[in-house]
């Protein structure tokens, strides 16, 4: 891993990006390796996280402020939404766990992303930010207050698809920290955990949902 980190640090240096930005981005490696160690009592990484870690090391995904960004190459599922995409830049938005998702910090990140991709030589007049996450699940509005940071985050996005066939719902892993199918094993330490558990027992589901919003330059 140290060799990979050195390679990535050189990428940041050659792009004239700060050591602080590099350090913030490389934290993802520790987040996922520590998750594996916590669940297996041995150092390692789940196979499902290999591609994500590689995208961090190759600087295909970059964290700018609160949010992480990645140029979206395949926009097939958006073809019915946008008839004209000339001078458009499509950018995937990812959300690292463990930090507050305030509207102010998110706005800063969107602006930072626009400036970053301009500096990298991308030519565009319109940016379409696309996000696919449990955080966009429409049913969260049934269990969270309007002033919730999650709901504020959702409000920027227009939803256009949901995964109703998740085998292992991501929201369970991210909110409760495990993939246990036994509802009684789910913690109730936060208001979100309590409400989610309560509504899940009643049959409500919170699917991964994809949304977008447009920002003209």
N, C-alpha and C. Protein backbone atom coordinates (compact mmCIF):
# COMPACT_ATOMS: atom_id res chain seq x y z
N UNK A 1 0.83 -1.20 0.00
CA UNK A 1 0.00 0.00 0.00
C UNK A 1 0.86 1.25 0.00
N UNK A 2 2.02 1.18 0.70
CA UNK A 2 2.90 2.35 0.76
C UNK A 2 3.41 2.75 -0.62
N UNK A 3 3.71 1.71 -1.45
CA UNK A 3 4.17 1.97 -2.81
C UNK A 3 3.08 2.66 -3.62
N UNK A 4 1.83 2.21 -3.44
CA UNK A 4 0.70 2.81 -4.15
C UNK A 4 0.50 4.25 -3.70
N UNK A 5 0.65 4.50 -2.39
CA UNK A 5 0.50 5.86 -1.87
C UNK A 5 1.55 6.79 -2.45
N UNK A 6 2.77 6.29 -2.61
CA UNK A 6 3.84 7.10 -3.18
C UNK A 6 3.51 7.49 -4.62
N UNK A 7 2.99 6.51 -5.36
CA UNK A 7 2.57 6.76 -6.75
C UNK A 7 1.50 7.85 -6.79
N UNK A 8 0.52 7.74 -5.91
CA UNK A 8 -0.58 8.71 -5.88
C UNK A 8 -0.10 10.08 -5.44
N UNK A 9 0.82 10.11 -4.48
CA UNK A 9 1.35 11.40 -4.02
C UNK A 9 2.07 12.11 -5.16
N UNK A 10 2.75 11.34 -6.00
CA UNK A 10 3.42 11.94 -7.16
C UNK A 10 2.40 12.51 -8.15
N UNK A 11 1.26 11.81 -8.30
CA UNK A 11 0.20 12.33 -9.17
C UNK A 11 -0.28 13.69 -8.67
N UNK A 12 -0.50 13.78 -7.37
CA UNK A 12 -0.97 15.04 -6.78
C UNK A 12 0.09 16.14 -6.94
N UNK A 13 1.33 15.77 -6.73
CA UNK A 13 2.42 16.75 -6.84
C UNK A 13 2.53 17.26 -8.27
N UNK A 14 2.45 16.34 -9.24
CA UNK A 14 2.57 16.72 -10.65
C UNK A 14 1.39 17.58 -11.11
N UNK A 15 0.25 17.44 -10.42
CA UNK A 15 -0.94 18.23 -10.76
C UNK A 15 -0.98 19.51 -9.94
N UNK A 16 0.08 19.71 -9.13
CA UNK A 16 0.19 20.90 -8.28
C UNK A 16 -0.95 20.99 -7.25
N UNK A 17 -1.29 19.83 -6.70
CA UNK A 17 -2.29 19.77 -5.63
C UNK A 17 -1.57 19.62 -4.30
N UNK A 18 -2.16 20.15 -3.25
CA UNK A 18 -1.48 20.25 -1.96
C UNK A 18 -1.34 18.90 -1.25
N UNK A 19 -0.37 18.86 -0.33
CA UNK A 19 -0.19 17.67 0.51
C UNK A 19 -1.42 17.44 1.38
N UNK A 20 -2.07 18.53 1.79
CA UNK A 20 -3.27 18.42 2.62
C UNK A 20 -4.40 17.73 1.85
N UNK A 21 -4.54 18.08 0.57
CA UNK A 21 -5.57 17.46 -0.25
C UNK A 21 -5.27 15.98 -0.47
N UNK A 22 -4.01 15.66 -0.70
CA UNK A 22 -3.60 14.27 -0.84
C UNK A 22 -3.92 13.48 0.42
N UNK A 23 -3.57 14.04 1.58
CA UNK A 23 -3.79 13.35 2.86
C UNK A 23 -5.28 13.11 3.10
N UNK A 24 -6.11 14.08 2.74
CA UNK A 24 -7.55 13.92 2.93
C UNK A 24 -8.09 12.82 2.03
N UNK A 25 -7.61 12.76 0.80
CA UNK A 25 -8.11 11.76 -0.14
C UNK A 25 -7.65 10.35 0.21
N UNK A 26 -6.43 10.24 0.69
CA UNK A 26 -5.88 8.91 0.95
C UNK A 26 -6.53 8.26 2.18
N UNK A 27 -7.27 9.04 2.96
CA UNK A 27 -7.97 8.49 4.13
C UNK A 27 -8.93 7.37 3.76
N UNK A 28 -9.44 7.41 2.53
CA UNK A 28 -10.37 6.36 2.09
C UNK A 28 -9.75 4.97 2.19
N UNK A 29 -8.46 4.87 1.93
CA UNK A 29 -7.79 3.58 2.03
C UNK A 29 -7.88 3.03 3.44
N UNK A 30 -7.70 3.91 4.42
CA UNK A 30 -7.74 3.49 5.82
C UNK A 30 -9.17 3.19 6.26
N UNK A 31 -10.13 3.95 5.76
CA UNK A 31 -11.53 3.71 6.13
C UNK A 31 -11.94 2.30 5.77
N UNK A 32 -11.62 1.86 4.54
CA UNK A 32 -12.07 0.55 4.09
C UNK A 32 -11.20 -0.58 4.61
N UNK A 33 -9.91 -0.33 4.81
CA UNK A 33 -9.06 -1.38 5.39
C UNK A 33 -9.38 -1.59 6.87
N UNK A 34 -9.69 -0.50 7.57
CA UNK A 34 -10.07 -0.61 8.98
C UNK A 34 -11.42 -1.31 9.14
N UNK A 35 -12.31 -1.09 8.20
CA UNK A 35 -13.61 -1.78 8.23
C UNK A 35 -13.40 -3.28 8.11
N UNK A 36 -12.52 -3.68 7.19
CA UNK A 36 -12.24 -5.10 7.00
C UNK A 36 -11.61 -5.70 8.25
N UNK A 37 -10.64 -4.98 8.82
CA UNK A 37 -9.96 -5.49 10.01
C UNK A 37 -10.92 -5.61 11.20
N UNK A 38 -11.82 -4.64 11.33
CA UNK A 38 -12.79 -4.66 12.43
C UNK A 38 -13.71 -5.87 12.33
N UNK A 39 -14.08 -6.24 11.11
CA UNK A 39 -15.04 -7.32 10.90
C UNK A 39 -14.39 -8.70 10.79
N UNK A 40 -13.06 -8.73 10.54
CA UNK A 40 -12.39 -10.02 10.31
C UNK A 40 -11.18 -10.25 11.21
N UNK A 41 -10.82 -9.24 12.02
CA UNK A 41 -9.68 -9.34 12.93
C UNK A 41 -8.36 -9.63 12.21
N UNK A 42 -8.27 -9.18 10.99
CA UNK A 42 -7.03 -9.31 10.23
C UNK A 42 -7.01 -8.19 9.20
N UNK A 43 -5.82 -7.71 8.88
CA UNK A 43 -5.72 -6.62 7.91
C UNK A 43 -6.10 -7.12 6.51
N UNK A 44 -6.78 -6.28 5.76
CA UNK A 44 -7.17 -6.67 4.41
C UNK A 44 -8.15 -5.69 3.80
N UNK A 45 -8.78 -6.14 2.73
CA UNK A 45 -9.72 -5.29 2.00
C UNK A 45 -10.72 -6.19 1.29
N UNK A 46 -11.98 -5.85 1.38
CA UNK A 46 -12.99 -6.62 0.67
C UNK A 46 -12.81 -6.45 -0.84
N UNK A 47 -13.02 -7.53 -1.57
CA UNK A 47 -12.88 -7.51 -3.02
C UNK A 47 -13.76 -6.44 -3.65
N UNK A 48 -14.94 -6.24 -3.07
CA UNK A 48 -15.89 -5.27 -3.61
C UNK A 48 -15.38 -3.83 -3.52
N UNK A 49 -14.32 -3.62 -2.71
CA UNK A 49 -13.77 -2.28 -2.54
C UNK A 49 -12.51 -2.05 -3.38
N UNK A 50 -12.03 -3.09 -4.08
CA UNK A 50 -10.80 -2.96 -4.87
C UNK A 50 -10.90 -1.84 -5.91
N UNK A 51 -11.99 -1.84 -6.65
CA UNK A 51 -12.15 -0.87 -7.73
C UNK A 51 -12.20 0.55 -7.18
N UNK A 52 -12.89 0.71 -6.04
CA UNK A 52 -13.00 2.04 -5.44
C UNK A 52 -11.63 2.55 -4.98
N UNK A 53 -10.89 1.70 -4.30
CA UNK A 53 -9.56 2.09 -3.81
C UNK A 53 -8.65 2.42 -4.99
N UNK A 54 -8.74 1.63 -6.05
CA UNK A 54 -7.92 1.90 -7.24
C UNK A 54 -8.27 3.27 -7.84
N UNK A 55 -9.55 3.62 -7.82
CA UNK A 55 -9.96 4.92 -8.38
C UNK A 55 -9.42 6.08 -7.55
N UNK A 56 -9.24 5.85 -6.24
CA UNK A 56 -8.63 6.87 -5.37
C UNK A 56 -7.14 6.99 -5.70
N UNK A 57 -6.48 5.84 -5.81
CA UNK A 57 -5.04 5.83 -6.07
C UNK A 57 -4.71 6.42 -7.44
N UNK A 58 -5.60 6.22 -8.41
CA UNK A 58 -5.37 6.73 -9.76
C UNK A 58 -5.87 8.16 -9.92
N UNK A 59 -6.43 8.73 -8.86
CA UNK A 59 -6.96 10.09 -8.84
C UNK A 59 -8.14 10.26 -9.80
N UNK A 60 -8.83 9.15 -10.09
CA UNK A 60 -10.05 9.23 -10.90
C UNK A 60 -11.19 9.78 -10.05
N UNK A 61 -11.14 9.48 -8.77
CA UNK A 61 -12.06 10.05 -7.79
C UNK A 61 -11.25 11.00 -6.91
N UNK A 62 -11.77 12.19 -6.69
CA UNK A 62 -11.05 13.15 -5.85
C UNK A 62 -12.02 13.82 -4.88
N UNK A 63 -11.60 13.90 -3.65
CA UNK A 63 -12.40 14.57 -2.62
C UNK A 63 -11.99 16.03 -2.57
N UNK A 64 -12.97 16.90 -2.77
CA UNK A 64 -12.75 18.34 -2.74
C UNK A 64 -13.69 18.93 -1.71
N UNK A 65 -13.15 19.19 -0.52
CA UNK A 65 -14.03 19.62 0.56
C UNK A 65 -14.82 18.44 1.09
N UNK A 66 -16.12 18.60 1.21
CA UNK A 66 -16.96 17.56 1.82
C UNK A 66 -17.24 16.39 0.89
N UNK A 67 -17.30 16.62 -0.41
CA UNK A 67 -17.76 15.60 -1.35
C UNK A 67 -16.64 15.08 -2.25
N UNK A 68 -16.89 13.91 -2.81
CA UNK A 68 -15.96 13.29 -3.74
C UNK A 68 -16.56 13.32 -5.15
N UNK A 69 -15.68 13.46 -6.15
CA UNK A 69 -16.16 13.63 -7.52
C UNK A 69 -15.42 12.73 -8.49
N UNK A 70 -16.12 12.41 -9.58
CA UNK A 70 -15.56 11.52 -10.60
C UNK A 70 -16.25 11.83 -11.93
N UNK A 71 -15.47 12.09 -12.96
CA UNK A 71 -16.07 12.35 -14.27
C UNK A 71 -16.81 11.10 -14.73
N UNK A 72 -18.05 11.28 -15.14
CA UNK A 72 -18.91 10.18 -15.55
C UNK A 72 -18.77 9.98 -17.06
N UNK A 73 -18.22 8.83 -17.43
CA UNK A 73 -17.99 8.56 -18.85
C UNK A 73 -19.23 7.98 -19.53
N UNK A 74 -19.94 7.10 -18.82
CA UNK A 74 -21.11 6.43 -19.39
C UNK A 74 -22.39 7.12 -18.91
N UNK A 75 -23.11 7.71 -19.83
CA UNK A 75 -24.34 8.41 -19.45
C UNK A 75 -25.57 7.79 -20.12
N UNK A 76 -25.47 6.49 -20.43
CA UNK A 76 -26.57 5.81 -21.13
C UNK A 76 -27.89 5.92 -20.38
N UNK A 77 -27.83 5.79 -19.04
CA UNK A 77 -29.09 5.83 -18.29
C UNK A 77 -29.67 7.24 -18.19
N UNK A 78 -28.92 8.22 -18.69
CA UNK A 78 -29.42 9.60 -18.70
C UNK A 78 -29.88 10.04 -20.09
N UNK A 79 -29.80 9.12 -21.04
CA UNK A 79 -30.12 9.48 -22.43
C UNK A 79 -31.57 9.92 -22.61
N UNK A 80 -32.45 9.42 -21.76
CA UNK A 80 -33.86 9.82 -21.86
C UNK A 80 -34.15 11.13 -21.13
N UNK A 81 -33.16 11.59 -20.36
CA UNK A 81 -33.33 12.82 -19.59
C UNK A 81 -32.80 14.02 -20.37
N UNK A 82 -31.66 13.82 -21.04
CA UNK A 82 -31.02 14.93 -21.77
C UNK A 82 -30.96 14.62 -23.26
N UNK A 83 -31.64 15.44 -24.04
CA UNK A 83 -31.61 15.26 -25.49
C UNK A 83 -30.33 15.86 -26.08
N UNK A 84 -29.87 16.94 -25.50
CA UNK A 84 -28.68 17.65 -25.98
C UNK A 84 -27.64 17.71 -24.87
N UNK A 85 -26.44 17.22 -25.15
CA UNK A 85 -25.39 17.20 -24.11
C UNK A 85 -24.11 17.89 -24.58
N UNK A 86 -24.21 18.69 -25.63
CA UNK A 86 -23.03 19.41 -26.12
C UNK A 86 -22.53 20.38 -25.06
N UNK A 87 -21.22 20.34 -24.80
CA UNK A 87 -20.57 21.20 -23.80
C UNK A 87 -21.05 20.90 -22.38
N UNK A 88 -21.56 19.68 -22.17
CA UNK A 88 -21.94 19.25 -20.82
C UNK A 88 -20.81 18.43 -20.21
N UNK A 89 -20.62 18.56 -18.92
CA UNK A 89 -19.73 17.69 -18.17
C UNK A 89 -20.57 16.96 -17.13
N UNK A 90 -20.55 15.64 -17.16
CA UNK A 90 -21.30 14.84 -16.20
C UNK A 90 -20.34 14.36 -15.12
N UNK A 91 -20.69 14.63 -13.87
CA UNK A 91 -19.81 14.34 -12.75
C UNK A 91 -20.55 13.53 -11.68
N UNK A 92 -19.98 12.38 -11.35
CA UNK A 92 -20.53 11.56 -10.27
C UNK A 92 -20.17 12.18 -8.93
N UNK A 93 -21.11 12.16 -8.01
CA UNK A 93 -20.90 12.67 -6.66
C UNK A 93 -20.92 11.50 -5.68
N UNK A 94 -19.89 11.41 -4.86
CA UNK A 94 -19.82 10.39 -3.82
C UNK A 94 -19.73 11.08 -2.46
N UNK A 95 -20.20 10.40 -1.43
CA UNK A 95 -20.22 11.00 -0.09
C UNK A 95 -19.49 10.10 0.88
N UNK A 96 -18.35 10.56 1.36
CA UNK A 96 -17.62 9.79 2.36
C UNK A 96 -18.36 9.83 3.69
N UNK A 97 -18.36 8.74 4.39
CA UNK A 97 -19.02 8.68 5.70
C UNK A 97 -18.20 9.40 6.75
N UNK A 98 -18.86 9.76 7.84
CA UNK A 98 -18.13 10.27 9.00
C UNK A 98 -17.99 11.78 9.11
N UNK A 99 -18.55 12.54 8.18
CA UNK A 99 -18.47 14.00 8.24
C UNK A 99 -19.87 14.59 8.06
N UNK A 100 -20.09 15.77 8.66
CA UNK A 100 -21.39 16.42 8.52
C UNK A 100 -21.64 16.82 7.07
N UNK A 101 -22.89 16.65 6.66
CA UNK A 101 -23.27 16.93 5.28
C UNK A 101 -24.03 18.25 5.20
N UNK A 102 -23.40 19.32 5.63
CA UNK A 102 -24.11 20.61 5.68
C UNK A 102 -24.26 21.19 4.28
N UNK A 103 -25.36 21.89 4.02
CA UNK A 103 -25.57 22.51 2.70
C UNK A 103 -24.43 23.44 2.30
N UNK A 104 -23.91 24.19 3.27
CA UNK A 104 -22.84 25.15 2.98
C UNK A 104 -21.58 24.44 2.49
N UNK A 105 -21.20 23.37 3.16
CA UNK A 105 -19.99 22.64 2.77
C UNK A 105 -20.19 21.94 1.43
N UNK A 106 -21.39 21.45 1.18
CA UNK A 106 -21.67 20.80 -0.10
C UNK A 106 -21.58 21.79 -1.25
N UNK A 107 -22.12 22.99 -1.05
CA UNK A 107 -22.05 24.02 -2.09
C UNK A 107 -20.61 24.38 -2.41
N UNK A 108 -19.80 24.49 -1.37
CA UNK A 108 -18.37 24.77 -1.58
C UNK A 108 -17.73 23.67 -2.43
N UNK A 109 -18.10 22.43 -2.14
CA UNK A 109 -17.53 21.30 -2.86
C UNK A 109 -17.92 21.31 -4.33
N UNK A 110 -19.18 21.59 -4.62
CA UNK A 110 -19.62 21.65 -6.02
C UNK A 110 -18.83 22.71 -6.78
N UNK A 111 -18.62 23.87 -6.16
CA UNK A 111 -17.86 24.94 -6.81
C UNK A 111 -16.39 24.54 -6.98
N UNK A 112 -15.85 23.86 -5.98
CA UNK A 112 -14.46 23.40 -6.07
C UNK A 112 -14.30 22.40 -7.21
N UNK A 113 -15.30 21.54 -7.39
CA UNK A 113 -15.25 20.55 -8.46
C UNK A 113 -15.23 21.22 -9.83
N UNK A 114 -16.07 22.22 -10.00
CA UNK A 114 -16.12 22.95 -11.27
C UNK A 114 -14.77 23.58 -11.57
N UNK A 115 -14.19 24.23 -10.58
CA UNK A 115 -12.88 24.87 -10.78
C UNK A 115 -11.79 23.84 -11.03
N UNK A 116 -11.87 22.71 -10.34
CA UNK A 116 -10.87 21.65 -10.52
C UNK A 116 -10.89 21.11 -11.95
N UNK A 117 -12.07 20.78 -12.44
CA UNK A 117 -12.15 20.19 -13.78
C UNK A 117 -11.82 21.21 -14.87
N UNK A 118 -12.09 22.48 -14.61
CA UNK A 118 -11.63 23.52 -15.54
C UNK A 118 -10.10 23.53 -15.59
N UNK A 119 -9.48 23.45 -14.42
CA UNK A 119 -8.02 23.48 -14.35
C UNK A 119 -7.38 22.26 -15.00
N UNK A 120 -8.17 21.18 -15.12
CA UNK A 120 -7.67 19.95 -15.74
C UNK A 120 -7.89 19.93 -17.25
N UNK A 121 -8.40 21.04 -17.78
CA UNK A 121 -8.53 21.15 -19.23
C UNK A 121 -9.88 20.77 -19.80
N UNK A 122 -10.83 20.44 -18.96
CA UNK A 122 -12.17 20.11 -19.45
C UNK A 122 -12.87 21.38 -19.94
N UNK A 123 -13.52 21.28 -21.09
CA UNK A 123 -14.27 22.40 -21.65
C UNK A 123 -15.76 22.13 -21.50
N UNK A 124 -16.47 23.00 -20.83
CA UNK A 124 -17.90 22.79 -20.61
C UNK A 124 -18.58 24.10 -20.25
N UNK A 125 -19.86 24.15 -20.53
CA UNK A 125 -20.67 25.31 -20.14
C UNK A 125 -21.73 24.92 -19.12
N UNK A 126 -21.93 23.62 -18.97
CA UNK A 126 -22.93 23.10 -18.04
C UNK A 126 -22.39 21.86 -17.35
N UNK A 127 -22.59 21.78 -16.05
CA UNK A 127 -22.22 20.59 -15.30
C UNK A 127 -23.48 19.90 -14.81
N UNK A 128 -23.53 18.59 -15.00
CA UNK A 128 -24.62 17.79 -14.44
C UNK A 128 -24.01 16.92 -13.34
N UNK A 129 -24.37 17.23 -12.11
CA UNK A 129 -23.91 16.41 -10.98
C UNK A 129 -24.89 15.25 -10.80
N UNK A 130 -24.35 14.05 -10.75
CA UNK A 130 -25.17 12.84 -10.64
C UNK A 130 -24.77 12.09 -9.37
N UNK A 131 -25.76 11.63 -8.63
CA UNK A 131 -25.48 10.91 -7.39
C UNK A 131 -26.36 9.67 -7.30
N UNK A 132 -25.76 8.56 -6.91
CA UNK A 132 -26.48 7.30 -6.71
C UNK A 132 -26.18 6.83 -5.29
N UNK A 133 -27.15 6.95 -4.41
CA UNK A 133 -26.88 6.73 -2.99
C UNK A 133 -28.15 6.43 -2.22
N UNK A 134 -27.97 5.78 -1.07
CA UNK A 134 -29.10 5.59 -0.15
C UNK A 134 -29.55 6.94 0.41
N UNK A 135 -28.65 7.91 0.40
CA UNK A 135 -28.98 9.24 0.93
C UNK A 135 -30.05 9.95 0.10
N UNK A 136 -30.27 9.47 -1.13
CA UNK A 136 -31.30 10.06 -1.97
C UNK A 136 -32.62 9.29 -1.90
N UNK A 137 -32.68 8.26 -1.09
CA UNK A 137 -33.92 7.48 -0.99
C UNK A 137 -35.09 8.38 -0.61
N UNK A 138 -36.13 8.46 -1.44
CA UNK A 138 -37.26 9.36 -1.18
C UNK A 138 -37.94 9.12 0.17
N UNK A 139 -37.95 7.88 0.62
CA UNK A 139 -38.66 7.56 1.87
C UNK A 139 -37.97 8.12 3.11
N UNK A 140 -36.76 8.61 2.96
CA UNK A 140 -36.10 9.23 4.11
C UNK A 140 -36.87 10.46 4.59
N UNK A 141 -37.64 11.06 3.67
CA UNK A 141 -38.45 12.22 4.06
C UNK A 141 -39.55 11.84 5.05
N UNK A 142 -39.84 10.55 5.13
CA UNK A 142 -40.86 10.09 6.07
C UNK A 142 -40.33 9.90 7.48
N UNK A 143 -39.01 9.90 7.63
CA UNK A 143 -38.46 9.64 8.97
C UNK A 143 -37.50 10.73 9.45
N UNK A 144 -37.18 11.68 8.58
CA UNK A 144 -36.26 12.75 8.96
C UNK A 144 -36.95 14.11 8.86
N UNK A 145 -36.59 15.06 9.72
CA UNK A 145 -37.19 16.40 9.66
C UNK A 145 -36.71 17.16 8.43
N UNK A 146 -37.48 18.16 8.03
CA UNK A 146 -37.15 18.95 6.84
C UNK A 146 -35.79 19.63 6.95
N UNK A 147 -35.40 19.99 8.18
CA UNK A 147 -34.13 20.70 8.35
C UNK A 147 -32.93 19.76 8.41
N UNK A 148 -33.17 18.47 8.29
CA UNK A 148 -32.08 17.49 8.30
C UNK A 148 -31.10 17.77 7.16
N UNK A 149 -29.80 17.60 7.42
CA UNK A 149 -28.80 17.79 6.38
C UNK A 149 -29.01 16.82 5.21
N UNK A 150 -29.46 15.61 5.52
CA UNK A 150 -29.71 14.63 4.46
C UNK A 150 -30.83 15.11 3.55
N UNK A 151 -31.90 15.60 4.15
CA UNK A 151 -33.03 16.09 3.34
C UNK A 151 -32.61 17.32 2.54
N UNK A 152 -31.82 18.21 3.14
CA UNK A 152 -31.33 19.38 2.41
C UNK A 152 -30.45 18.94 1.23
N UNK A 153 -29.65 17.90 1.45
CA UNK A 153 -28.81 17.37 0.37
C UNK A 153 -29.69 16.85 -0.77
N UNK A 154 -30.74 16.12 -0.42
CA UNK A 154 -31.65 15.56 -1.41
C UNK A 154 -32.32 16.63 -2.28
N UNK A 155 -32.64 17.75 -1.66
CA UNK A 155 -33.48 18.75 -2.32
C UNK A 155 -32.89 19.32 -3.60
N UNK A 156 -31.58 19.23 -3.76
CA UNK A 156 -30.95 19.74 -4.98
C UNK A 156 -31.19 18.80 -6.17
N UNK A 157 -31.47 17.55 -5.87
CA UNK A 157 -31.49 16.52 -6.90
C UNK A 157 -32.89 16.19 -7.41
N UNK A 158 -32.95 15.91 -8.70
CA UNK A 158 -34.15 15.36 -9.32
C UNK A 158 -33.95 13.85 -9.42
N UNK A 159 -34.81 13.07 -8.80
CA UNK A 159 -34.66 11.62 -8.81
C UNK A 159 -35.15 11.05 -10.14
N UNK A 160 -34.44 10.03 -10.65
CA UNK A 160 -34.94 9.42 -11.89
C UNK A 160 -34.87 7.90 -11.91
N UNK A 161 -34.30 7.26 -10.89
CA UNK A 161 -34.36 5.80 -10.82
C UNK A 161 -34.01 5.33 -9.42
N UNK A 162 -34.57 4.18 -9.05
CA UNK A 162 -34.28 3.57 -7.75
C UNK A 162 -34.05 2.08 -7.94
N UNK A 163 -33.17 1.52 -7.12
CA UNK A 163 -32.90 0.08 -7.16
C UNK A 163 -33.79 -0.61 -6.14
N UNK A 164 -34.87 -1.20 -6.61
CA UNK A 164 -35.84 -1.83 -5.71
C UNK A 164 -35.51 -3.28 -5.42
N UNK A 165 -34.38 -3.77 -5.96
CA UNK A 165 -34.03 -5.19 -5.81
C UNK A 165 -32.68 -5.38 -5.13
N UNK A 166 -32.34 -4.51 -4.21
CA UNK A 166 -31.07 -4.64 -3.49
C UNK A 166 -31.05 -5.91 -2.64
N UNK A 167 -30.05 -6.74 -2.85
CA UNK A 167 -29.92 -7.95 -2.05
C UNK A 167 -29.46 -7.61 -0.64
N UNK A 168 -28.47 -6.73 -0.57
CA UNK A 168 -27.97 -6.26 0.73
C UNK A 168 -28.10 -4.74 0.76
N UNK A 169 -29.23 -4.23 1.23
CA UNK A 169 -29.46 -2.78 1.21
C UNK A 169 -28.32 -1.98 1.82
N UNK A 170 -27.77 -1.06 1.05
CA UNK A 170 -26.62 -0.29 1.52
C UNK A 170 -26.96 0.55 2.74
N UNK A 171 -28.20 1.00 2.82
CA UNK A 171 -28.58 1.86 3.94
C UNK A 171 -28.40 1.14 5.28
N UNK A 172 -28.61 -0.17 5.31
CA UNK A 172 -28.46 -0.94 6.55
C UNK A 172 -27.01 -0.97 6.97
N UNK A 173 -26.13 -1.22 6.00
CA UNK A 173 -24.70 -1.25 6.30
C UNK A 173 -24.19 0.11 6.77
N UNK A 174 -24.63 1.18 6.10
CA UNK A 174 -24.10 2.50 6.40
C UNK A 174 -24.68 3.10 7.68
N UNK A 175 -25.94 2.83 7.96
CA UNK A 175 -26.58 3.42 9.15
C UNK A 175 -26.31 2.59 10.40
N UNK A 176 -26.32 1.26 10.24
CA UNK A 176 -26.16 0.40 11.42
C UNK A 176 -24.77 -0.21 11.52
N UNK A 177 -23.96 -0.07 10.47
CA UNK A 177 -22.60 -0.59 10.53
C UNK A 177 -22.48 -2.08 10.34
N UNK A 178 -23.53 -2.73 9.86
CA UNK A 178 -23.46 -4.16 9.60
C UNK A 178 -24.44 -4.54 8.50
N UNK A 179 -24.36 -5.82 8.09
CA UNK A 179 -25.24 -6.32 7.03
C UNK A 179 -26.21 -7.37 7.58
N UNK A 180 -26.37 -7.40 8.88
CA UNK A 180 -27.22 -8.41 9.50
C UNK A 180 -28.66 -8.29 9.02
N UNK A 181 -29.25 -9.43 8.65
CA UNK A 181 -30.64 -9.45 8.22
C UNK A 181 -31.59 -9.54 9.41
N UNK A 182 -31.03 -9.80 10.58
CA UNK A 182 -31.84 -9.88 11.80
C UNK A 182 -32.08 -8.47 12.34
N UNK A 183 -33.29 -7.99 12.18
CA UNK A 183 -33.61 -6.62 12.57
C UNK A 183 -33.29 -6.36 14.04
N UNK A 184 -33.45 -7.35 14.88
CA UNK A 184 -33.22 -7.15 16.30
C UNK A 184 -31.75 -6.86 16.61
N UNK A 185 -30.86 -7.17 15.68
CA UNK A 185 -29.44 -6.88 15.87
C UNK A 185 -29.10 -5.43 15.58
N UNK A 186 -30.01 -4.71 14.95
CA UNK A 186 -29.72 -3.34 14.55
C UNK A 186 -29.75 -2.40 15.75
N UNK A 187 -28.73 -1.56 15.85
CA UNK A 187 -28.61 -0.64 16.98
C UNK A 187 -29.69 0.45 16.92
N UNK A 188 -29.90 1.09 18.07
CA UNK A 188 -30.87 2.18 18.15
C UNK A 188 -30.25 3.37 18.88
N UNK A 189 -28.98 3.67 18.55
CA UNK A 189 -28.28 4.72 19.25
C UNK A 189 -28.56 6.13 18.76
N UNK A 190 -29.06 6.25 17.54
CA UNK A 190 -29.37 7.58 16.99
C UNK A 190 -30.84 7.63 16.59
N UNK A 191 -31.32 8.85 16.39
CA UNK A 191 -32.71 9.02 15.96
C UNK A 191 -32.95 8.36 14.60
N UNK A 192 -31.97 8.49 13.70
CA UNK A 192 -32.11 7.87 12.38
C UNK A 192 -32.19 6.35 12.51
N UNK A 193 -31.34 5.77 13.35
CA UNK A 193 -31.37 4.33 13.54
C UNK A 193 -32.72 3.87 14.09
N UNK A 194 -33.22 4.59 15.08
CA UNK A 194 -34.49 4.20 15.70
C UNK A 194 -35.65 4.29 14.70
N UNK A 195 -35.71 5.39 13.98
CA UNK A 195 -36.81 5.59 13.03
C UNK A 195 -36.72 4.61 11.86
N UNK A 196 -35.50 4.40 11.37
CA UNK A 196 -35.31 3.49 10.25
C UNK A 196 -35.71 2.07 10.64
N UNK A 197 -35.28 1.64 11.81
CA UNK A 197 -35.61 0.30 12.29
C UNK A 197 -37.12 0.14 12.46
N UNK A 198 -37.74 1.15 13.03
CA UNK A 198 -39.19 1.13 13.27
C UNK A 198 -39.96 1.00 11.96
N UNK A 199 -39.60 1.81 10.96
CA UNK A 199 -40.33 1.79 9.70
C UNK A 199 -40.00 0.56 8.87
N UNK A 200 -38.77 0.06 9.00
CA UNK A 200 -38.39 -1.16 8.28
C UNK A 200 -39.24 -2.34 8.75
N UNK A 201 -39.48 -2.40 10.04
CA UNK A 201 -40.33 -3.46 10.58
C UNK A 201 -41.74 -3.40 10.00
N UNK A 202 -42.18 -2.19 9.66
CA UNK A 202 -43.53 -2.01 9.11
C UNK A 202 -43.57 -2.27 7.60
N UNK A 203 -42.40 -2.50 7.01
CA UNK A 203 -42.37 -2.81 5.58
C UNK A 203 -41.87 -1.70 4.67
N UNK A 204 -41.57 -0.53 5.24
CA UNK A 204 -41.04 0.56 4.41
C UNK A 204 -39.61 0.26 4.00
N UNK A 205 -39.25 0.55 2.75
CA UNK A 205 -37.90 0.31 2.27
C UNK A 205 -37.28 1.61 1.76
N UNK A 206 -35.95 1.63 1.75
CA UNK A 206 -35.20 2.84 1.43
C UNK A 206 -34.15 2.51 0.37
N UNK A 207 -34.57 2.39 -0.89
CA UNK A 207 -33.67 1.93 -1.95
C UNK A 207 -32.61 2.95 -2.35
N UNK A 208 -31.50 2.42 -2.86
CA UNK A 208 -30.52 3.28 -3.51
C UNK A 208 -31.22 4.02 -4.64
N UNK A 209 -31.01 5.32 -4.70
CA UNK A 209 -31.71 6.14 -5.69
C UNK A 209 -30.71 7.03 -6.43
N UNK A 210 -30.97 7.21 -7.72
CA UNK A 210 -30.09 8.04 -8.54
C UNK A 210 -30.80 9.35 -8.87
N UNK A 211 -30.06 10.44 -8.74
CA UNK A 211 -30.62 11.75 -9.05
C UNK A 211 -29.58 12.64 -9.70
N UNK A 212 -30.00 13.79 -10.17
CA UNK A 212 -29.08 14.72 -10.81
C UNK A 212 -29.53 16.16 -10.56
N UNK A 213 -28.60 17.08 -10.69
CA UNK A 213 -28.98 18.49 -10.78
C UNK A 213 -28.01 19.19 -11.73
N UNK A 214 -28.49 20.27 -12.32
CA UNK A 214 -27.76 20.97 -13.37
C UNK A 214 -27.21 22.29 -12.85
N UNK A 215 -25.96 22.55 -13.17
CA UNK A 215 -25.34 23.82 -12.77
C UNK A 215 -24.71 24.44 -14.01
N UNK A 216 -25.24 25.56 -14.44
CA UNK A 216 -24.69 26.25 -15.61
C UNK A 216 -23.54 27.16 -15.17
N UNK A 217 -22.54 27.23 -16.01
CA UNK A 217 -21.33 27.99 -15.67
C UNK A 217 -21.46 29.43 -16.16
